[in-house]
């Protein structure tokens, strides 16, 4: 199923769709894929367990909730539970919010919204729609209003939205410095120097140093996700190399992209800065990924719009071919990670089945939420 949707995405992206009909169809396909999934994503059963722990009284949940998720997210779940919605309905609601805002971003800011949505499917869908429910919402909503408020220069509106989002996932506060950065007039040369510096910082054993500050504010929350004994070898993993490649692409097209409009320059500046944020927090892979995703996500717009800067067919064909290869690599990586972290037991090494509410009895999942109860992890 995933491979079929991948091929459909390529096919739809290459067809001129002036009325956006194919774009709407592809969005609906991704919605349905999220609606009927079962056991997909490493956090599927963990969130199920947390959902059933929610108090059916929204007020009591906010005041006396058993778990530590941000209050607005717990309030949302409690209201839905109080209203009689099932866990699957809860997932459908969150997936709808996520993909509606992704749809709005692609439609408004991409020259080819179907291609942008296809890139989202390959790069982010399996993590931020399937698994990271809280941050998937804040990323989609936050990225939309980041671009909107920059365009409309509505500073107070943006600040208020981010504060609200922070009660769903605290990491969304990184949107405020991104917004401030968008107002700064960085040059390409300055960004190159800063990028080199951030990569050099990633080499330092910061994780070990932080371990000595476990009593400092906020450090206690980061410490469980910190890689103690961090060394230079860690910047040669897939995640780091991939982001270095994206940095190279951004700088290669920086001049031509930033000259198109003021928003384009702000967009690519935020994108590059977000990649730097990843390397600055590389000592904690999870923290780095969560903080950098809000600006990194802009590549679904940037990489798409670059294609339309080319006028001759040969260069356009080379670029789109390279983009498809990059997307293929990322999707296979995400699917492999999805299979391993989900705990799905399958007889096929290369094929990751689409497990859903209709065929769930055919598969066995190692990470059922009962495991979390037994371990006392939640």
Protein backbone atom coordinates (compact mmCIF):
# COMPACT_ATOMS: atom_id res chain seq x y z
CA UNK A 1 0.00 0.00 0.00
CA UNK A 2 2.74 2.49 0.95
CA UNK A 3 4.62 1.83 -2.28
CA UNK A 4 1.47 2.25 -4.37
CA UNK A 5 0.77 5.62 -2.75
CA UNK A 6 4.41 6.57 -3.34
CA UNK A 7 4.03 5.83 -7.06
CA UNK A 8 0.68 7.64 -7.20
CA UNK A 9 2.37 10.66 -5.63
CA UNK A 10 5.07 10.73 -8.32
CA UNK A 11 2.49 10.30 -11.09
CA UNK A 12 0.18 13.03 -9.74
CA UNK A 13 3.13 15.40 -9.15
CA UNK A 14 4.24 15.23 -12.79
CA UNK A 15 0.79 16.03 -14.19
CA UNK A 16 -0.26 19.66 -14.62
CA UNK A 17 -3.06 20.09 -12.11
CA UNK A 18 -4.23 23.68 -12.46
CA UNK A 19 -7.56 23.01 -10.74
CA UNK A 20 -5.83 21.15 -7.88
CA UNK A 21 -8.09 18.11 -8.31
CA UNK A 22 -5.21 15.60 -8.05
CA UNK A 23 -3.87 17.50 -5.05
CA UNK A 24 -7.22 17.10 -3.27
CA UNK A 25 -7.38 13.41 -4.18
CA UNK A 26 -3.86 12.79 -2.86
CA UNK A 27 -4.70 14.61 0.37
CA UNK A 28 -7.78 12.43 0.82
CA UNK A 29 -5.67 9.30 0.22
CA UNK A 30 -3.24 10.32 2.97
CA UNK A 31 -6.15 11.12 5.29
CA UNK A 32 -7.73 7.71 4.76
CA UNK A 33 -4.35 6.02 5.23
CA UNK A 34 -4.06 7.69 8.64
CA UNK A 35 -7.70 7.10 9.61
CA UNK A 36 -7.72 3.31 9.34
CA UNK A 37 -4.19 2.51 10.52
CA UNK A 38 -3.71 0.14 13.41
CA UNK A 39 -0.54 -0.36 15.44
CA UNK A 40 1.41 1.88 13.06
CA UNK A 41 4.14 3.99 14.64
CA UNK A 42 6.24 3.36 17.75
CA UNK A 43 3.87 5.43 19.91
CA UNK A 44 0.56 4.00 18.71
CA UNK A 45 -0.04 1.73 21.70
CA UNK A 46 1.64 4.12 24.13
CA UNK A 47 -0.82 6.85 23.19
CA UNK A 48 -3.64 4.32 23.41
CA UNK A 49 -2.62 3.50 26.96
CA UNK A 50 -2.38 7.20 27.83
CA UNK A 51 -5.77 7.88 26.26
CA UNK A 52 -7.46 5.29 28.47
CA UNK A 53 -5.74 6.76 31.54
CA UNK A 54 -7.32 10.17 30.93
CA UNK A 55 -9.94 11.32 33.38
CA UNK A 56 -13.39 11.66 31.81
CA UNK A 57 -13.78 14.94 33.67
CA UNK A 58 -11.75 17.52 31.65
CA UNK A 59 -11.35 19.78 34.69
CA UNK A 60 -10.06 16.94 36.89
CA UNK A 61 -7.72 15.82 34.12
CA UNK A 62 -6.11 19.24 33.87
CA UNK A 63 -5.83 19.63 37.64
CA UNK A 64 -5.06 16.08 38.75
CA UNK A 65 -4.04 14.15 35.62
CA UNK A 66 -1.89 11.07 36.12
CA UNK A 67 0.49 11.83 33.26
CA UNK A 68 2.84 14.67 32.40
CA UNK A 69 1.83 15.65 28.87
CA UNK A 70 1.08 19.32 28.27
CA UNK A 71 -2.33 20.35 29.73
CA UNK A 72 -4.05 21.42 26.49
CA UNK A 73 -3.28 18.08 24.85
CA UNK A 74 -4.63 16.18 27.85
CA UNK A 75 -7.69 18.44 27.90
CA UNK A 76 -8.40 17.62 24.25
CA UNK A 77 -8.18 13.88 24.91
CA UNK A 78 -10.30 14.14 28.04
CA UNK A 79 -13.05 16.06 26.23
CA UNK A 80 -13.14 13.45 23.46
CA UNK A 81 -13.21 10.61 25.98
CA UNK A 82 -15.97 12.36 27.95
CA UNK A 83 -17.93 12.75 24.68
CA UNK A 84 -17.75 9.02 24.04
CA UNK A 85 -15.20 9.00 21.24
CA UNK A 86 -13.00 5.93 20.83
CA UNK A 87 -9.22 5.96 20.58
CA UNK A 88 -9.48 5.45 16.80
CA UNK A 89 -11.76 8.50 16.54
CA UNK A 90 -9.23 10.43 18.61
CA UNK A 91 -6.49 9.50 16.11
CA UNK A 92 -8.72 10.49 13.19
CA UNK A 93 -9.36 13.90 14.73
CA UNK A 94 -5.64 14.59 15.28
CA UNK A 95 -4.68 13.32 11.81
CA UNK A 96 -7.31 15.60 10.26
CA UNK A 97 -5.94 18.69 12.01
CA UNK A 98 -2.42 17.73 10.98
CA UNK A 99 -3.15 17.14 7.30
CA UNK A 100 -5.57 20.06 6.90
CA UNK A 101 -2.81 22.49 7.87
CA UNK A 102 -0.27 20.67 5.69
CA UNK A 103 -2.79 20.98 2.86
CA UNK A 104 -3.16 24.72 3.49
CA UNK A 105 0.62 25.27 3.52
CA UNK A 106 1.18 23.34 0.29
CA UNK A 107 -1.75 24.96 -1.49
CA UNK A 108 -0.77 28.52 -0.61
CA UNK A 109 3.03 28.50 -0.75
CA UNK A 110 3.96 25.79 -3.26
CA UNK A 111 4.03 26.16 -7.04
CA UNK A 112 3.14 22.46 -7.23
CA UNK A 113 1.24 21.57 -4.04
CA UNK A 114 0.91 17.90 -5.04
CA UNK A 115 4.70 17.54 -5.29
CA UNK A 116 5.08 19.26 -1.90
CA UNK A 117 2.53 16.89 -0.37
CA UNK A 118 4.37 13.95 -1.93
CA UNK A 119 7.62 15.15 -0.30
CA UNK A 120 5.79 15.48 3.01
CA UNK A 121 4.63 11.88 2.63
CA UNK A 122 8.20 10.66 2.05
CA UNK A 123 9.98 12.84 4.62
CA UNK A 124 7.56 13.44 7.50
CA UNK A 125 4.25 11.56 7.24
CA UNK A 126 5.34 8.36 9.00
CA UNK A 127 6.78 10.19 11.99
CA UNK A 128 4.71 13.33 12.48
CA UNK A 129 1.30 12.09 11.32
CA UNK A 130 1.52 8.46 12.44
CA UNK A 131 3.51 8.67 15.64
CA UNK A 132 4.40 12.07 17.09
CA UNK A 133 0.79 13.11 17.60
CA UNK A 134 1.38 16.14 19.79
CA UNK A 135 4.27 17.58 17.84
CA UNK A 136 2.75 16.61 14.51
CA UNK A 137 -0.11 18.99 15.31
CA UNK A 138 2.05 21.81 16.59
CA UNK A 139 4.44 21.51 13.63
CA UNK A 140 1.66 21.70 11.03
CA UNK A 141 -0.26 24.51 12.75
CA UNK A 142 2.89 26.38 13.77
CA UNK A 143 4.51 26.24 10.31
CA UNK A 144 1.32 27.54 8.69
CA UNK A 145 0.99 30.50 11.03
CA UNK A 146 4.73 31.15 10.91
CA UNK A 147 4.48 31.85 7.17
CA UNK A 148 1.11 33.60 7.45
CA UNK A 149 2.16 35.99 10.22
CA UNK A 150 5.48 36.77 8.54
CA UNK A 151 3.53 37.67 5.40
CA UNK A 152 0.93 39.71 7.26
CA UNK A 153 3.35 41.07 9.90
CA UNK A 154 1.02 40.11 12.73
CA UNK A 155 3.52 39.75 15.55
CA UNK A 156 1.12 39.61 18.50
CA UNK A 157 -1.14 37.08 16.77
CA UNK A 158 1.82 34.80 16.13
CA UNK A 159 3.09 35.11 19.70
CA UNK A 160 -0.33 34.19 21.11
CA UNK A 161 -0.68 31.18 18.77
CA UNK A 162 2.73 29.86 19.79
CA UNK A 163 1.91 30.21 23.49
CA UNK A 164 -1.27 28.17 22.93
CA UNK A 165 0.65 25.54 20.93
CA UNK A 166 3.21 25.26 23.71
CA UNK A 167 0.44 23.80 25.90
CA UNK A 168 0.18 20.99 23.36
CA UNK A 169 3.93 20.48 22.91
CA UNK A 170 6.55 22.67 24.59
CA UNK A 171 8.97 22.41 21.66
CA UNK A 172 6.74 24.77 19.64
CA UNK A 173 8.31 27.68 21.58
CA UNK A 174 11.23 27.38 19.13
CA UNK A 175 8.91 29.08 16.62
CA UNK A 176 9.42 32.40 18.41
CA UNK A 177 13.20 32.60 17.78
CA UNK A 178 12.54 31.40 14.21
CA UNK A 179 10.12 34.27 13.76
CA UNK A 180 12.69 36.72 15.15
CA UNK A 181 15.37 35.24 12.87
CA UNK A 182 13.11 35.85 9.87
CA UNK A 183 13.43 39.58 10.60
CA UNK A 184 17.24 39.46 10.46
CA UNK A 185 19.02 40.15 7.20
CA UNK A 186 21.56 37.30 7.12
CA UNK A 187 23.84 37.00 4.13
CA UNK A 188 24.69 33.71 2.49
CA UNK A 189 28.31 33.99 3.67
CA UNK A 190 27.25 34.56 7.28
CA UNK A 191 24.98 31.53 7.19
CA UNK A 192 27.76 29.36 5.75
CA UNK A 193 30.12 30.37 8.57
CA UNK A 194 27.43 29.77 11.19
CA UNK A 195 26.64 26.36 9.68
CA UNK A 196 30.28 25.29 9.90
CA UNK A 197 30.37 26.48 13.49
CA UNK A 198 27.23 24.51 14.41
CA UNK A 199 28.71 21.33 12.91
CA UNK A 200 31.91 21.88 14.90
CA UNK A 201 29.84 22.28 18.06
CA UNK A 202 28.16 18.94 17.27
CA UNK A 203 31.56 17.26 17.56
CA UNK A 204 32.06 18.41 21.15
CA UNK A 205 31.20 16.00 24.03
CA UNK A 206 28.36 18.25 25.24
CA UNK A 207 26.32 15.28 26.44
CA UNK A 208 28.99 14.40 28.98
CA UNK A 209 29.20 18.00 30.21
CA UNK A 210 25.41 18.23 30.61
CA UNK A 211 25.38 15.08 32.73
CA UNK A 212 27.14 17.09 35.45
CA UNK A 213 24.33 19.66 35.45
CA UNK A 214 21.48 17.32 36.25
CA UNK A 215 20.17 19.60 39.02
CA UNK A 216 19.86 22.66 36.75
CA UNK A 217 16.38 23.75 35.53
CA UNK A 218 15.13 21.87 32.42
CA UNK A 219 18.28 19.74 32.30
CA UNK A 220 16.45 16.94 34.08
CA UNK A 221 14.04 16.62 31.15
CA UNK A 222 16.81 16.59 28.53
CA UNK A 223 19.16 14.25 30.39
CA UNK A 224 17.25 10.98 29.67
CA UNK A 225 17.59 11.71 25.94
CA UNK A 226 21.23 12.78 26.08
CA UNK A 227 23.98 10.71 24.48
CA UNK A 228 26.66 10.46 27.16
CA UNK A 229 30.16 10.08 25.80
CA UNK A 230 29.28 11.87 22.59
CA UNK A 231 32.13 11.98 20.05
CA UNK A 232 33.03 13.01 16.52
CA UNK A 233 31.79 9.69 15.12
CA UNK A 234 28.19 10.69 15.78
CA UNK A 235 28.10 13.33 13.05
CA UNK A 236 28.59 10.62 10.45
CA UNK A 237 25.27 8.90 11.05
CA UNK A 238 22.42 8.96 8.52
CA UNK A 239 20.58 11.80 10.24
CA UNK A 240 23.60 14.13 10.26
CA UNK A 241 24.81 13.31 6.75
CA UNK A 242 21.27 13.81 5.44
CA UNK A 243 21.07 17.27 6.99
CA UNK A 244 24.51 18.21 5.68
CA UNK A 245 23.25 17.26 2.20
CA UNK A 246 20.21 19.50 2.73
CA UNK A 247 22.50 22.34 3.83
CA UNK A 248 24.55 21.94 0.64
CA UNK A 249 21.37 22.00 -1.46
CA UNK A 250 20.13 25.11 0.37
CA UNK A 251 23.37 27.01 -0.20
CA UNK A 252 23.64 25.87 -3.83
CA UNK A 253 20.24 27.38 -4.60
CA UNK A 254 20.34 30.13 -1.98
CA UNK A 255 20.91 33.08 -4.33
CA UNK A 256 18.36 32.16 -6.96
CA UNK A 257 15.73 31.20 -4.38
CA UNK A 258 16.13 34.21 -2.07
CA UNK A 259 15.98 36.69 -4.97
CA UNK A 260 12.48 35.60 -5.95
CA UNK A 261 10.75 37.36 -3.04
CA UNK A 262 11.27 38.66 0.47
CA UNK A 263 9.31 35.72 1.88
CA UNK A 264 11.55 33.28 0.00
CA UNK A 265 14.65 34.76 1.61
CA UNK A 266 13.08 34.59 5.06
CA UNK A 267 11.99 31.02 4.37
CA UNK A 268 15.40 29.73 3.32
CA UNK A 269 17.10 31.60 6.18
CA UNK A 270 14.81 29.91 8.70
CA UNK A 271 15.41 26.59 6.97
CA UNK A 272 19.20 26.88 7.25
CA UNK A 273 19.01 28.08 10.86
CA UNK A 274 16.81 25.09 11.72
CA UNK A 275 19.44 22.73 10.35
CA UNK A 276 21.99 24.53 12.54
CA UNK A 277 19.70 24.03 15.55
CA UNK A 278 19.82 20.31 14.87
CA UNK A 279 23.63 20.25 15.07
CA UNK A 280 23.73 22.49 18.15
CA UNK A 281 21.49 20.00 19.99
CA UNK A 282 22.99 16.92 18.41
CA UNK A 283 24.11 15.71 21.86
CA UNK A 284 20.45 14.75 22.31
CA UNK A 285 19.15 13.28 19.05
CA UNK A 286 15.50 13.43 20.07
CA UNK A 287 15.74 17.04 21.27
CA UNK A 288 17.63 18.05 18.12
CA UNK A 289 15.00 16.49 15.84
CA UNK A 290 12.09 18.02 17.77
CA UNK A 291 13.51 21.55 17.83
CA UNK A 292 14.73 21.62 14.23
CA UNK A 293 11.62 20.15 12.61
CA UNK A 294 9.62 23.41 12.63
CA UNK A 295 11.93 25.06 10.11
CA UNK A 296 13.28 21.90 8.48
CA UNK A 297 9.75 21.12 7.32
CA UNK A 298 9.97 24.09 4.92
CA UNK A 299 11.98 21.93 2.51
CA UNK A 300 8.72 20.51 1.12
CA UNK A 301 8.08 24.03 -0.23
CA UNK A 302 11.67 25.03 -1.00
CA UNK A 303 12.65 21.86 -2.88
CA UNK A 304 9.44 21.98 -4.92
CA UNK A 305 9.68 25.63 -5.92
CA UNK A 306 13.33 25.30 -6.96
CA UNK A 307 12.24 22.90 -9.73
CA UNK A 308 10.30 25.72 -11.42
CA UNK A 309 13.33 27.99 -11.58
CA UNK A 310 14.70 25.79 -14.36
CA UNK A 311 13.57 26.69 -17.87
CA UNK A 312 15.17 23.98 -20.01
CA UNK A 313 13.79 20.42 -20.01
CA UNK A 314 17.14 18.69 -19.46
CA UNK A 315 17.95 20.46 -16.18
CA UNK A 316 14.35 20.07 -15.01
CA UNK A 317 14.52 16.33 -15.71
CA UNK A 318 17.84 16.00 -13.86
CA UNK A 319 16.51 17.92 -10.86
CA UNK A 320 13.22 16.03 -10.58
CA UNK A 321 15.10 12.75 -11.02
CA UNK A 322 17.42 13.65 -8.15
CA UNK A 323 14.43 14.69 -6.02
CA UNK A 324 12.70 11.36 -6.64
CA UNK A 325 15.87 9.45 -5.73
CA UNK A 326 16.20 11.48 -2.51
CA UNK A 327 12.53 10.90 -1.69
CA UNK A 328 12.85 7.18 -2.35
CA UNK A 329 15.83 6.89 0.00
CA UNK A 330 14.02 8.79 2.73
CA UNK A 331 10.81 6.81 2.40
CA UNK A 332 12.61 3.47 2.58
CA UNK A 333 14.51 4.70 5.62
CA UNK A 334 11.30 5.85 7.31
CA UNK A 335 9.47 2.61 6.50
CA UNK A 336 12.31 0.50 7.83
CA UNK A 337 12.38 2.56 11.03
CA UNK A 338 8.59 2.31 11.22
CA UNK A 339 8.70 -1.48 11.06
CA UNK A 340 11.50 -1.84 13.62
CA UNK A 341 10.21 0.66 16.16
CA UNK A 342 6.60 -0.46 15.86
CA UNK A 343 7.56 -3.99 16.83
CA UNK A 344 5.68 -5.40 13.87
CA UNK A 345 6.53 -9.03 13.22
CA UNK A 346 6.45 -9.69 9.46
CA UNK A 347 7.73 -12.49 7.25
CA UNK A 348 8.89 -10.03 4.61
CA UNK A 349 12.18 -8.20 5.07
CA UNK A 350 11.66 -5.45 2.47
CA UNK A 351 7.88 -5.03 2.45
CA UNK A 352 6.25 -3.12 5.31
CA UNK A 353 2.54 -4.01 5.32
CA UNK A 354 -0.15 -1.42 5.92
CA UNK A 355 -1.71 -2.70 9.13
CA UNK A 356 -5.21 -1.35 9.67
CA UNK A 357 -8.39 -1.96 11.62
CA UNK A 358 -9.58 -4.42 8.97
CA UNK A 359 -6.54 -6.74 8.94
CA UNK A 360 -5.11 -6.20 12.44
CA UNK A 361 -5.68 -9.82 13.48
CA UNK A 362 -3.25 -11.03 10.80
CA UNK A 363 -0.27 -9.38 12.49
CA UNK A 364 1.45 -9.50 15.84
CA UNK A 365 2.78 -6.35 17.51
CA UNK A 366 5.44 -6.53 20.19
CA UNK A 367 4.73 -3.07 21.58
CA UNK A 368 1.13 -3.52 22.74
CA UNK A 369 0.15 -1.00 25.40
CA UNK A 370 -0.24 -3.81 27.93
CA UNK A 371 3.56 -4.03 27.87
CA UNK A 372 3.73 -0.46 29.15
CA UNK A 373 1.38 -1.34 32.00
CA UNK A 374 3.49 -4.32 33.01
CA UNK A 375 6.69 -2.32 32.89
CA UNK A 376 5.14 0.61 34.73
CA UNK A 377 6.62 3.01 32.19
CA UNK A 378 3.51 5.21 31.90
